[in-house]
C-alpha atoms as a PDB file:
ATOM      1  CA  MET A   1      -0.124   0.009   0.368  1.00  0.00           C
ATOM      2  CA  LEU A   2       1.234   2.980  -0.847  1.00  0.00           C
ATOM      3  CA  SER A   3       1.960   4.882   2.064  1.00  0.00           C
ATOM      4  CA  LEU A   4       0.303   8.379   2.972  1.00  0.00           C
ATOM      5  CA  ASP A   5       3.697  10.369   3.465  1.00  0.00           C
ATOM      6  CA  SER A   6       4.977   9.313   0.347  1.00  0.00           C
ATOM      7  CA  PRO A   7       5.746  11.888  -2.328  1.00  0.00           C
ATOM      8  CA  ALA A   8       4.369   9.816  -5.086  1.00  0.00           C
ATOM      9  CA  TRP A   9       0.704  11.407  -4.253  1.00  0.00           C
ATOM     10  CA  ASP A  10       1.995  14.526  -5.880  1.00  0.00           C
ATOM     11  CA  THR A  11       2.535  12.800  -9.466  1.00  0.00           C
ATOM     12  CA  ILE A  12      -0.982  10.655  -9.243  1.00  0.00           C
ATOM     13  CA  SER A  13      -4.013  12.411 -10.228  1.00  0.00           C
ATOM     14  CA  SER A  14      -7.290  13.430  -8.466  1.00  0.00           C
ATOM     15  CA  SER A  15     -10.567  12.879 -10.380  1.00  0.00           C
ATOM     16  CA  PRO A  16     -11.299  17.185 -10.402  1.00  0.00           C
ATOM     17  CA  GLY A  17      -8.181  17.272 -11.936  1.00  0.00           C
ATOM     18  CA  GLY A  18      -5.802  18.157  -9.248  1.00  0.00           C
ATOM     19  CA  THR A  19      -2.665  15.917  -7.849  1.00  0.00           C
ATOM     20  CA  GLY A  20      -3.483  13.140  -5.065  1.00  0.00           C
ATOM     21  CA  THR A  21      -1.953  15.214  -1.780  1.00  0.00           C
ATOM     22  CA  LEU A  22      -4.859  16.493  -0.558  1.00  0.00           C
ATOM     23  CA  THR A  23      -6.080  12.628  -1.154  1.00  0.00           C
ATOM     24  CA  ALA A  24      -3.370  11.359   1.086  1.00  0.00           C
ATOM     25  CA  GLN A  25      -4.106  14.130   3.557  1.00  0.00           C
ATOM     26  CA  LEU A  26      -7.742  13.370   3.810  1.00  0.00           C
ATOM     27  CA  LEU A  27      -7.307   9.634   4.377  1.00  0.00           C
ATOM     28  CA  ARG A  28      -4.370  10.450   7.351  1.00  0.00           C
ATOM     29  CA  SER A  29      -7.224  12.548   8.787  1.00  0.00           C
ATOM     30  CA  ILE A  30      -9.794   9.882   8.502  1.00  0.00           C
ATOM     31  CA  ARG A  31      -7.417   7.698  10.133  1.00  0.00           C
ATOM     32  CA  ASP A  32      -7.122   9.996  12.768  1.00  0.00           C
ATOM     33  CA  GLY A  33     -10.887  10.355  13.075  1.00  0.00           C
ATOM     34  CA  ASP A  34     -11.951  13.085  11.405  1.00  0.00           C
ATOM     35  CA  ASP A  35     -15.194  11.823   9.927  1.00  0.00           C
ATOM     36  CA  SER A  36     -16.146  15.506   8.024  1.00  0.00           C
ATOM     37  CA  ALA A  37     -12.964  14.428   5.378  1.00  0.00           C
ATOM     38  CA  TYR A  38     -15.477  11.816   3.699  1.00  0.00           C
ATOM     39  CA  ASP A  39     -17.067  14.435   1.488  1.00  0.00           C
ATOM     40  CA  GLU A  40     -14.170  15.852  -0.016  1.00  0.00           C
ATOM     41  CA  LEU A  41     -12.174  12.353  -0.343  1.00  0.00           C
ATOM     42  CA  TYR A  42     -15.358  10.912  -2.334  1.00  0.00           C
ATOM     43  CA  HIS A  43     -14.559  14.720  -4.414  1.00  0.00           C
ATOM     44  CA  GLN A  44     -11.443  13.703  -4.915  1.00  0.00           C
ATOM     45  CA  ILE A  45     -11.255  10.283  -5.636  1.00  0.00           C
ATOM     46  CA  CYS A  46     -14.457   9.691  -7.795  1.00  0.00           C
ATOM     47  CA  HIS A  47     -16.222  12.894  -8.983  1.00  0.00           C
ATOM     48  CA  GLN A  48     -19.527  13.086 -10.684  1.00  0.00           C
ATOM     49  CA  LEU A  49     -18.570   9.509 -11.611  1.00  0.00           C
ATOM     50  CA  SER A  50     -15.283   9.699 -12.923  1.00  0.00           C
ATOM     51  CA  VAL A  51     -12.890   7.818 -11.661  1.00  0.00           C
ATOM     52  CA  GLY A  52      -9.259   9.634 -10.958  1.00  0.00           C
ATOM     53  CA  ALA A  53      -6.380   7.591 -10.822  1.00  0.00           C
ATOM     54  CA  VAL A  54      -5.742   8.447  -7.373  1.00  0.00           C
ATOM     55  CA  ALA A  55      -8.989   5.983  -6.807  1.00  0.00           C
ATOM     56  CA  TYR A  56      -6.537   3.281  -7.510  1.00  0.00           C
ATOM     57  CA  VAL A  57      -4.016   3.694  -4.662  1.00  0.00           C
ATOM     58  CA  ALA A  58      -6.502   5.139  -2.169  1.00  0.00           C
ATOM     59  CA  VAL A  59      -8.881   2.496  -2.321  1.00  0.00           C
ATOM     60  CA  PRO A  60      -6.957  -0.278  -0.431  1.00  0.00           C
ATOM     61  CA  HIS A  61      -6.381   2.480   1.909  1.00  0.00           C
ATOM     62  CA  LEU A  62     -10.171   2.802   2.643  1.00  0.00           C
ATOM     63  CA  VAL A  63     -10.584  -0.880   2.933  1.00  0.00           C
ATOM     64  CA  GLU A  64      -8.049  -1.117   5.326  1.00  0.00           C
ATOM     65  CA  ILE A  65     -10.395   2.066   7.251  1.00  0.00           C
ATOM     66  CA  ALA A  66     -13.003  -0.053   6.856  1.00  0.00           C
ATOM     67  CA  ARG A  67     -11.927  -3.287   8.428  1.00  0.00           C
ATOM     68  CA  SER A  68     -11.370  -1.543  11.752  1.00  0.00           C
ATOM     69  CA  ALA A  69     -14.033   1.469  11.665  1.00  0.00           C
ATOM     70  CA  ARG A  70     -17.347   1.837  13.487  1.00  0.00           C
ATOM     71  CA  ARG A  71     -20.150   0.816  11.005  1.00  0.00           C
ATOM     72  CA  ARG A  72     -21.149   4.252  10.184  1.00  0.00           C
ATOM     73  CA  GLN A  73     -17.697   5.022   8.825  1.00  0.00           C
ATOM     74  CA  ARG A  74     -17.331   1.230   7.664  1.00  0.00           C
ATOM     75  CA  VAL A  75     -20.215   1.925   5.555  1.00  0.00           C
ATOM     76  CA  ARG A  76     -18.904   5.585   4.225  1.00  0.00           C
ATOM     77  CA  ALA A  77     -15.671   3.875   3.129  1.00  0.00           C
ATOM     78  CA  LEU A  78     -17.490   0.610   1.646  1.00  0.00           C
ATOM     79  CA  SER A  79     -19.348   3.180  -0.472  1.00  0.00           C
ATOM     80  CA  ILE A  80     -16.580   5.276  -2.132  1.00  0.00           C
ATOM     81  CA  VAL A  81     -15.134   1.768  -3.020  1.00  0.00           C
ATOM     82  CA  GLY A  82     -18.397   0.726  -4.262  1.00  0.00           C
ATOM     83  CA  THR A  83     -19.062   3.987  -5.792  1.00  0.00           C
ATOM     84  CA  VAL A  84     -15.807   3.656  -7.946  1.00  0.00           C
ATOM     85  CA  SER A  85     -16.645  -0.041  -8.974  1.00  0.00           C
ATOM     86  CA  ALA A  86     -19.646   1.077 -10.052  1.00  0.00           C
ATOM     87  CA  ALA A  87     -18.338   4.238 -12.199  1.00  0.00           C
ATOM     88  CA  LEU A  88     -15.742   1.998 -13.441  1.00  0.00           C
ATOM     89  CA  LEU A  89     -18.158  -0.646 -14.934  1.00  0.00           C
ATOM     90  CA  ALA A  90     -20.813   2.307 -15.925  1.00  0.00           C
ATOM     91  CA  TYR A  91     -18.674   5.115 -17.240  1.00  0.00           C
ATOM     92  CA  PRO A  92     -14.916   3.553 -18.277  1.00  0.00           C
ATOM     93  CA  GLY A  93     -14.224   6.141 -20.992  1.00  0.00           C
ATOM     94  CA  SER A  94     -14.120   8.704 -18.230  1.00  0.00           C
ATOM     95  CA  ALA A  95     -12.101   7.009 -15.921  1.00  0.00           C
ATOM     96  CA  ALA A  96      -8.136   7.121 -15.364  1.00  0.00           C
ATOM     97  CA  PRO A  97      -6.325   3.996 -16.753  1.00  0.00           C
ATOM     98  CA  LEU A  98      -5.315   1.348 -14.015  1.00  0.00           C
ATOM     99  CA  ARG A  99      -1.526   1.151 -13.708  1.00  0.00           C
ATOM    100  CA  ASP A 100       0.197  -2.532 -13.528  1.00  0.00           C
ATOM    101  CA  GLU A 101       1.700  -1.628 -10.898  1.00  0.00           C
ATOM    102  CA  TRP A 102      -1.448  -0.740  -8.751  1.00  0.00           C
ATOM    103  CA  ARG A 103      -3.852  -3.679 -10.320  1.00  0.00           C
ATOM    104  CA  VAL A 104      -2.899  -6.553  -7.756  1.00  0.00           C
ATOM    105  CA  GLU A 105      -3.483  -4.295  -4.874  1.00  0.00           C
ATOM    106  CA  PHE A 106      -6.480  -2.720  -5.950  1.00  0.00           C
ATOM    107  CA  VAL A 107      -7.987  -5.665  -7.329  1.00  0.00           C
ATOM    108  CA  ALA A 108      -7.512  -7.490  -3.970  1.00  0.00           C
ATOM    109  CA  ALA A 109      -8.918  -4.350  -1.793  1.00  0.00           C
ATOM    110  CA  ASN A 110     -11.818  -4.803  -3.661  1.00  0.00           C
ATOM    111  CA  GLN A 111     -12.457  -8.667  -2.915  1.00  0.00           C
ATOM    112  CA  ASP A 112     -12.162  -7.716   0.456  1.00  0.00           C
ATOM    113  CA  ALA A 113     -14.438  -4.665   0.246  1.00  0.00           C
ATOM    114  CA  LEU A 114     -17.101  -7.141  -1.552  1.00  0.00           C
ATOM    115  CA  ARG A 115     -16.300  -9.319   1.862  1.00  0.00           C
ATOM    116  CA  LEU A 116     -16.861  -6.304   4.062  1.00  0.00           C
ATOM    117  CA  ALA A 117     -19.812  -4.993   2.916  1.00  0.00           C
ATOM    118  CA  ALA A 118     -21.748  -8.777   2.626  1.00  0.00           C
ATOM    119  CA  GLU A 119     -20.987  -9.126   6.058  1.00  0.00           C
ATOM    120  CA  ALA A 120     -22.151  -5.984   7.263  1.00  0.00           C
ATOM    121  CA  LEU A 121     -25.262  -6.255   5.359  1.00  0.00           C
ATOM    122  CA  GLN A 122     -25.657  -9.299   7.671  1.00  0.00           C
ATOM    123  CA  SER A 123     -26.434  -7.114  10.405  1.00  0.00           C
ATOM    124  CA  ALA A 124     -29.470  -5.394   8.630  1.00  0.00           C
ATOM    125  CA  GLY A 125     -31.799  -4.962  11.450  1.00  0.00           C
ATOM    126  CA  ALA A 126     -28.716  -2.831  13.152  1.00  0.00           C
ATOM    127  CA  LEU A 127     -28.495  -0.729  10.165  1.00  0.00           C
ATOM    128  CA  GLU A 128     -29.977   2.348   8.950  1.00  0.00           C
ATOM    129  CA  PRO A 129     -31.980   2.280   5.795  1.00  0.00           C
ATOM    130  CA  ALA A 130     -29.465   4.379   4.089  1.00  0.00           C
ATOM    131  CA  ASP A 131     -26.890   2.626   5.259  1.00  0.00           C
ATOM    132  CA  ALA A 132     -28.278  -0.478   4.038  1.00  0.00           C
ATOM    133  CA  GLN A 133     -28.890   1.021   0.721  1.00  0.00           C
ATOM    134  CA  GLN A 134     -24.852   2.063   0.457  1.00  0.00           C
ATOM    135  CA  LEU A 135     -24.050  -1.446   1.391  1.00  0.00           C
ATOM    136  CA  LEU A 136     -26.957  -3.034  -1.029  1.00  0.00           C
ATOM    137  CA  ALA A 137     -25.319  -0.485  -4.227  1.00  0.00           C
ATOM    138  CA  THR A 138     -21.851  -1.660  -3.077  1.00  0.00           C
ATOM    139  CA  VAL A 139     -22.687  -5.391  -3.545  1.00  0.00           C
ATOM    140  CA  ALA A 140     -24.367  -4.372  -6.323  1.00  0.00           C
ATOM    141  CA  ALA A 141     -21.325  -3.232  -8.085  1.00  0.00           C
ATOM    142  CA  PHE A 142     -19.178  -5.609  -7.178  1.00  0.00           C
ATOM    143  CA  GLN A 143     -21.536  -8.095  -8.896  1.00  0.00           C
ATOM    144  CA  GLY A 144     -21.445  -6.241 -11.833  1.00  0.00           C
ATOM    145  CA  LEU A 145     -24.698  -4.839 -11.671  1.00  0.00           C
ATOM    146  CA  LYS A 146     -23.400  -1.301 -12.696  1.00  0.00           C
ATOM    147  CA  ASP A 147     -27.065   0.060 -13.403  1.00  0.00           C
ATOM    148  CA  LEU A 148     -28.604  -1.009 -10.068  1.00  0.00           C
ATOM    149  CA  ALA A 149     -25.610   0.485  -8.326  1.00  0.00           C
ATOM    150  CA  VAL A 150     -25.383   3.619 -10.132  1.00  0.00           C
ATOM    151  CA  TYR A 151     -29.250   4.252  -9.047  1.00  0.00           C
ATOM    152  CA  LEU A 152     -29.015   3.092  -5.627  1.00  0.00           C
ATOM    153  CA  PHE A 153     -25.843   5.092  -5.218  1.00  0.00           C
ATOM    154  CA  MET A 154     -27.533   8.005  -6.785  1.00  0.00           C
ATOM    155  CA  GLN A 155     -31.152   8.060  -4.797  1.00  0.00           C
ATOM    156  CA  ALA A 156     -29.066   7.329  -1.423  1.00  0.00           C
ATOM    157  CA  ASP A 157     -28.682  10.882  -0.882  1.00  0.00           C
ATOM    158  CA  ASP A 158     -32.850  11.651  -0.952  1.00  0.00           C
ATOM    159  CA  MET A 159     -33.581   8.319   0.403  1.00  0.00           C
ATOM    160  CA  GLU A 160     -36.654   8.129  -1.577  1.00  0.00           C
ATOM    161  CA  LEU A 161     -36.563   5.256  -4.056  1.00  0.00           C
ATOM    162  CA  SER A 162     -38.632   5.265  -7.093  1.00  0.00           C
ATOM    163  CA  CYS A 163     -39.361   2.655 -10.301  1.00  0.00           C
ATOM    164  CA  PRO A 164     -37.314   4.283 -12.851  1.00  0.00           C
ATOM    165  CA  ALA A 165     -39.915   3.116 -15.292  1.00  0.00           C
ATOM    166  CA  CYS A 166     -42.984   4.670 -13.997  1.00  0.00           C
ATOM    167  CA  GLY A 167     -41.926   6.796 -11.245  1.00  0.00           C
ATOM    168  CA  GLU A 168     -44.049   5.231  -8.467  1.00  0.00           C
ATOM    169  CA  VAL A 169     -42.277   5.636  -4.888  1.00  0.00           C
ATOM    170  CA  ILE A 170     -40.754   2.240  -3.896  1.00  0.00           C
ATOM    171  CA  GLN A 171     -41.751   1.981  -0.022  1.00  0.00           C
ATOM    172  CA  TYR A 172     -39.180  -0.227   2.368  1.00  0.00           C
END
């Protein structure tokens, strides 16, 4: 895993066009307990579902964070990883290329994220509906169900799901 202190972060592009320097700082802040950094981290990694190169080195860190995080922070970390997976499937043309040097670790982190998300869903009664929806979207992304994953991720903020065909609100 690329050290958060490595100068290499300065040479890796983020999704909105900067470098990975801010991403490394945000990951460090999250590890230190600053949950407010998640929103900006998402923006740096996968802005408007466009995956930046920094996502490939940040995902292993997010999975590591998810392994030891409390439930809410676990969901936040895994949902960013799941969004990266969904965006790569749904919009591959807008994604930065995955360098060979990052591939093995990135793929392994994704496999771990699928396992962690599925395990978290087993405690469904203890989850808030929004958290369950984020985890379902994450699992859907890792199962290759890109349209379902993107739909669930995009609807998660509103927490009102509606049928994409007829518009009827889905009650759950």
